[in-house]
N, C-alpha and C. Protein backbone atom coordinates (compact mmCIF):
# COMPACT_ATOMS: atom_id res chain seq x y z
N MET A 1 40.58 -26.49 -95.97
CA MET A 1 39.39 -27.21 -95.65
C MET A 1 38.45 -26.28 -94.89
N ASP A 2 37.24 -26.30 -95.24
CA ASP A 2 36.22 -25.45 -94.67
C ASP A 2 35.67 -26.08 -93.39
N ALA A 3 35.14 -25.26 -92.47
CA ALA A 3 34.60 -25.76 -91.20
C ALA A 3 33.41 -26.68 -91.43
N THR A 4 32.58 -26.41 -92.45
CA THR A 4 31.43 -27.28 -92.72
C THR A 4 31.87 -28.63 -93.23
N GLN A 5 32.97 -28.67 -93.97
CA GLN A 5 33.48 -29.96 -94.44
C GLN A 5 34.01 -30.78 -93.27
N ALA A 6 34.64 -30.12 -92.28
CA ALA A 6 35.14 -30.83 -91.11
C ALA A 6 33.99 -31.42 -90.31
N VAL A 7 32.90 -30.67 -90.21
CA VAL A 7 31.74 -31.15 -89.46
C VAL A 7 31.09 -32.32 -90.20
N THR A 8 31.07 -32.29 -91.51
CA THR A 8 30.45 -33.39 -92.27
C THR A 8 31.24 -34.68 -92.09
N HIS A 9 32.52 -34.58 -91.79
CA HIS A 9 33.30 -35.80 -91.54
C HIS A 9 33.00 -36.36 -90.15
N VAL A 10 32.60 -35.52 -89.21
CA VAL A 10 32.32 -35.94 -87.83
C VAL A 10 30.91 -36.50 -87.70
N VAL A 11 29.98 -36.05 -88.54
CA VAL A 11 28.58 -36.47 -88.43
C VAL A 11 28.42 -37.97 -88.56
N PRO A 12 29.06 -38.64 -89.52
CA PRO A 12 28.91 -40.10 -89.58
C PRO A 12 29.43 -40.80 -88.32
N LEU A 13 30.47 -40.24 -87.69
CA LEU A 13 30.98 -40.83 -86.45
C LEU A 13 29.96 -40.69 -85.33
N ALA A 14 29.27 -39.58 -85.28
CA ALA A 14 28.26 -39.37 -84.26
C ALA A 14 27.08 -40.29 -84.46
N GLN A 15 26.75 -40.64 -85.69
CA GLN A 15 25.63 -41.53 -85.96
C GLN A 15 25.97 -42.97 -85.56
N GLU A 16 27.26 -43.29 -85.52
CA GLU A 16 27.66 -44.64 -85.15
C GLU A 16 27.55 -44.88 -83.64
N LEU A 17 27.50 -43.81 -82.86
CA LEU A 17 27.39 -43.97 -81.41
C LEU A 17 26.02 -44.53 -81.04
N ASP A 18 26.01 -45.45 -80.11
CA ASP A 18 24.75 -46.04 -79.64
C ASP A 18 24.12 -45.10 -78.62
N GLU A 19 22.90 -44.66 -78.87
CA GLU A 19 22.23 -43.72 -77.98
C GLU A 19 21.84 -44.38 -76.66
N ASN A 20 21.76 -45.71 -76.63
CA ASN A 20 21.39 -46.42 -75.41
C ASN A 20 22.60 -46.74 -74.53
N LYS A 21 23.78 -46.46 -75.04
CA LYS A 21 25.00 -46.74 -74.27
C LYS A 21 25.15 -45.70 -73.17
N VAL A 22 25.36 -46.18 -71.95
CA VAL A 22 25.49 -45.30 -70.81
C VAL A 22 26.97 -45.20 -70.44
N THR A 23 27.46 -43.99 -70.27
CA THR A 23 28.84 -43.77 -69.85
C THR A 23 28.82 -42.95 -68.57
N PRO A 24 29.86 -43.07 -67.75
CA PRO A 24 29.87 -42.35 -66.49
C PRO A 24 29.92 -40.83 -66.68
N GLY A 25 30.66 -40.37 -67.64
CA GLY A 25 30.72 -38.94 -67.93
C GLY A 25 31.36 -38.13 -66.81
N VAL A 26 31.08 -36.86 -66.83
CA VAL A 26 31.68 -35.92 -65.88
C VAL A 26 31.15 -36.17 -64.46
N LEU A 27 29.88 -36.47 -64.34
CA LEU A 27 29.30 -36.72 -63.02
C LEU A 27 29.96 -37.93 -62.36
N GLY A 28 30.20 -38.98 -63.11
CA GLY A 28 30.88 -40.15 -62.56
C GLY A 28 32.28 -39.82 -62.09
N PHE A 29 32.98 -39.00 -62.86
CA PHE A 29 34.33 -38.60 -62.47
C PHE A 29 34.29 -37.75 -61.19
N VAL A 30 33.34 -36.84 -61.10
CA VAL A 30 33.24 -35.98 -59.92
C VAL A 30 32.94 -36.82 -58.68
N VAL A 31 32.01 -37.77 -58.80
CA VAL A 31 31.68 -38.63 -57.65
C VAL A 31 32.91 -39.44 -57.24
N PHE A 32 33.62 -40.00 -58.22
CA PHE A 32 34.82 -40.78 -57.92
C PHE A 32 35.88 -39.90 -57.26
N ALA A 33 36.06 -38.69 -57.75
CA ALA A 33 37.07 -37.79 -57.18
C ALA A 33 36.71 -37.41 -55.75
N VAL A 34 35.42 -37.16 -55.48
CA VAL A 34 34.99 -36.82 -54.12
C VAL A 34 35.21 -38.01 -53.19
N MET A 35 34.90 -39.21 -53.65
CA MET A 35 35.12 -40.40 -52.81
C MET A 35 36.61 -40.61 -52.55
N ALA A 36 37.45 -40.38 -53.57
CA ALA A 36 38.90 -40.54 -53.39
C ALA A 36 39.42 -39.50 -52.40
N ALA A 37 38.95 -38.27 -52.50
CA ALA A 37 39.38 -37.22 -51.57
C ALA A 37 38.92 -37.55 -50.15
N GLY A 38 37.71 -38.07 -50.00
CA GLY A 38 37.22 -38.47 -48.69
C GLY A 38 38.04 -39.60 -48.09
N LEU A 39 38.41 -40.56 -48.91
CA LEU A 39 39.24 -41.66 -48.43
C LEU A 39 40.62 -41.15 -48.01
N TRP A 40 41.19 -40.24 -48.80
CA TRP A 40 42.49 -39.67 -48.45
C TRP A 40 42.41 -38.95 -47.11
N TRP A 41 41.36 -38.16 -46.90
CA TRP A 41 41.18 -37.43 -45.64
C TRP A 41 41.01 -38.41 -44.49
N LEU A 42 40.23 -39.47 -44.71
CA LEU A 42 40.00 -40.46 -43.66
C LEU A 42 41.29 -41.16 -43.26
N MET A 43 42.11 -41.51 -44.23
CA MET A 43 43.39 -42.16 -43.94
C MET A 43 44.33 -41.20 -43.19
N LYS A 44 44.33 -39.93 -43.58
CA LYS A 44 45.16 -38.95 -42.91
C LYS A 44 44.71 -38.76 -41.46
N SER A 45 43.40 -38.70 -41.25
CA SER A 45 42.86 -38.55 -39.90
C SER A 45 43.17 -39.77 -39.05
N MET A 46 43.03 -40.96 -39.64
CA MET A 46 43.32 -42.19 -38.89
C MET A 46 44.79 -42.24 -38.50
N ASN A 47 45.65 -41.83 -39.41
CA ASN A 47 47.09 -41.83 -39.11
C ASN A 47 47.39 -40.86 -37.97
N ARG A 48 46.75 -39.71 -37.96
CA ARG A 48 46.96 -38.74 -36.89
C ARG A 48 46.47 -39.30 -35.55
N HIS A 49 45.31 -39.95 -35.54
CA HIS A 49 44.77 -40.50 -34.30
C HIS A 49 45.59 -41.70 -33.81
N MET A 50 46.06 -42.52 -34.73
CA MET A 50 46.88 -43.66 -34.32
C MET A 50 48.22 -43.19 -33.74
N GLY A 51 48.70 -42.04 -34.19
CA GLY A 51 49.93 -41.49 -33.64
C GLY A 51 49.76 -41.06 -32.20
N LYS A 52 48.55 -40.73 -31.79
CA LYS A 52 48.28 -40.31 -30.42
C LYS A 52 48.15 -41.50 -29.46
N VAL A 53 47.95 -42.69 -29.99
CA VAL A 53 47.75 -43.88 -29.15
C VAL A 53 49.06 -44.24 -28.48
N ASP A 54 49.02 -44.42 -27.17
CA ASP A 54 50.18 -44.82 -26.41
C ASP A 54 49.90 -46.20 -25.83
N PHE A 55 50.51 -47.20 -26.40
CA PHE A 55 50.25 -48.56 -25.93
C PHE A 55 51.54 -49.15 -25.39
N LYS A 56 51.38 -50.12 -24.50
CA LYS A 56 52.54 -50.79 -23.93
C LYS A 56 52.69 -52.14 -24.61
N GLU A 57 53.89 -52.40 -25.06
CA GLU A 57 54.16 -53.65 -25.74
C GLU A 57 54.41 -54.76 -24.72
N ALA A 58 54.16 -55.99 -25.14
CA ALA A 58 54.43 -57.14 -24.29
C ALA A 58 55.94 -57.30 -24.15
N PRO A 59 56.39 -57.82 -23.02
CA PRO A 59 57.84 -58.03 -22.86
C PRO A 59 58.34 -59.05 -23.88
N GLU A 60 59.53 -58.81 -24.40
CA GLU A 60 60.08 -59.66 -25.44
C GLU A 60 60.80 -60.89 -24.90
N ASP A 61 61.05 -60.94 -23.59
CA ASP A 61 61.81 -62.06 -23.04
C ASP A 61 60.96 -63.32 -22.88
N GLY A 62 59.68 -63.26 -23.23
CA GLY A 62 58.82 -64.44 -23.16
C GLY A 62 58.28 -64.70 -21.77
N ALA A 63 58.32 -63.73 -20.91
CA ALA A 63 57.82 -63.90 -19.55
C ALA A 63 56.31 -64.09 -19.58
N SER A 64 55.82 -64.92 -18.68
CA SER A 64 54.39 -65.17 -18.61
C SER A 64 53.69 -64.01 -17.91
N PRO A 65 52.37 -63.83 -18.13
CA PRO A 65 51.66 -62.75 -17.45
C PRO A 65 51.69 -62.90 -15.93
N ALA A 66 51.80 -64.14 -15.42
CA ALA A 66 51.82 -64.36 -13.98
C ALA A 66 53.11 -63.80 -13.37
N ALA A 67 54.19 -63.83 -14.13
CA ALA A 67 55.47 -63.32 -13.61
C ALA A 67 55.44 -61.81 -13.51
N SER A 68 54.61 -61.15 -14.30
CA SER A 68 54.56 -59.69 -14.27
C SER A 68 53.43 -59.18 -13.38
N ALA A 69 52.83 -60.06 -12.56
CA ALA A 69 51.74 -59.65 -11.68
C ALA A 69 52.30 -58.79 -10.55
N PRO A 70 51.54 -57.79 -10.12
CA PRO A 70 52.00 -56.97 -8.99
C PRO A 70 52.13 -57.82 -7.73
N ALA A 71 52.98 -57.38 -6.82
CA ALA A 71 53.26 -58.16 -5.61
C ALA A 71 52.05 -58.26 -4.70
N ASP A 72 51.15 -57.27 -4.74
CA ASP A 72 50.01 -57.30 -3.83
C ASP A 72 48.87 -58.19 -4.34
N GLN A 73 48.96 -58.68 -5.57
CA GLN A 73 47.93 -59.57 -6.10
C GLN A 73 48.52 -60.94 -6.36
N PRO A 74 47.79 -62.00 -6.05
CA PRO A 74 48.29 -63.33 -6.37
C PRO A 74 48.35 -63.53 -7.88
N ALA A 75 49.17 -64.47 -8.31
CA ALA A 75 49.38 -64.70 -9.74
C ALA A 75 48.11 -65.14 -10.44
N ASP A 76 47.18 -65.83 -9.72
CA ASP A 76 45.95 -66.28 -10.38
C ASP A 76 44.95 -65.15 -10.56
N ALA A 77 45.19 -63.98 -9.95
CA ALA A 77 44.27 -62.86 -10.10
C ALA A 77 44.49 -62.10 -11.40
N VAL A 78 45.59 -62.38 -12.06
CA VAL A 78 45.84 -61.72 -13.34
C VAL A 78 44.90 -62.33 -14.36
N GLY A 79 44.06 -61.53 -14.96
CA GLY A 79 43.10 -62.04 -15.93
C GLY A 79 41.93 -61.11 -16.07
N ALA A 80 40.74 -61.66 -16.29
CA ALA A 80 39.56 -60.86 -16.61
C ALA A 80 39.16 -59.94 -15.47
N GLY A 81 39.29 -60.40 -14.22
CA GLY A 81 38.79 -59.59 -13.12
C GLY A 81 39.86 -58.91 -12.31
N ALA A 82 41.11 -58.92 -12.77
CA ALA A 82 42.20 -58.37 -11.98
C ALA A 82 42.04 -56.88 -11.72
N ALA A 83 41.56 -56.14 -12.68
CA ALA A 83 41.44 -54.68 -12.51
C ALA A 83 40.28 -54.31 -11.61
N THR A 84 39.23 -55.12 -11.58
CA THR A 84 38.05 -54.78 -10.79
C THR A 84 38.00 -55.50 -9.46
N GLY A 85 38.89 -56.46 -9.24
CA GLY A 85 38.87 -57.21 -8.00
C GLY A 85 37.91 -58.39 -8.05
N ALA A 86 37.26 -58.63 -9.18
CA ALA A 86 36.35 -59.75 -9.32
C ALA A 86 37.16 -61.03 -9.50
N PRO A 87 36.60 -62.16 -9.11
CA PRO A 87 37.31 -63.42 -9.33
C PRO A 87 37.61 -63.63 -10.82
N ALA A 88 38.73 -64.29 -11.10
CA ALA A 88 39.18 -64.45 -12.48
C ALA A 88 38.24 -65.33 -13.29
N ASP A 89 37.43 -66.20 -12.63
CA ASP A 89 36.54 -67.08 -13.39
C ASP A 89 35.22 -66.40 -13.75
N ARG A 90 35.00 -65.17 -13.28
CA ARG A 90 33.77 -64.43 -13.60
C ARG A 90 34.09 -63.21 -14.42
N VAL A 91 33.21 -62.87 -15.31
CA VAL A 91 33.34 -61.66 -16.10
C VAL A 91 32.62 -60.55 -15.36
N PRO A 92 33.22 -59.36 -15.23
CA PRO A 92 32.57 -58.25 -14.51
C PRO A 92 31.23 -57.92 -15.16
N GLY A 93 30.22 -57.73 -14.34
CA GLY A 93 28.90 -57.40 -14.84
C GLY A 93 28.03 -58.60 -15.16
N GLU A 94 28.59 -59.79 -15.06
CA GLU A 94 27.83 -61.01 -15.38
C GLU A 94 27.09 -61.47 -14.12
N LYS A 95 25.83 -61.87 -14.29
CA LYS A 95 25.07 -62.37 -13.15
C LYS A 95 25.34 -63.85 -12.97
N LYS A 96 25.16 -64.31 -11.71
CA LYS A 96 25.40 -65.73 -11.42
C LYS A 96 24.39 -66.62 -12.08
């Protein structure tokens, strides 16, 4: 089979394609690949940062927060203002 005969078989297939049909093509693939790589990097970075977080878990014995209050503070001081010394019924920085 000659190369020109092979091309003549492909020409009718090319004429059947709709010229108004839009396909993503190579550019769409490149954009998708860049977004996927960015997401992978973001997840890796988040995992690294979450590994650095040192948090304290709540006690498992079901103890109330009042029972774990320091001895120098009354049990009702545990709450919104305990760290700043503000009354528990006020939010720090809030005006009267």
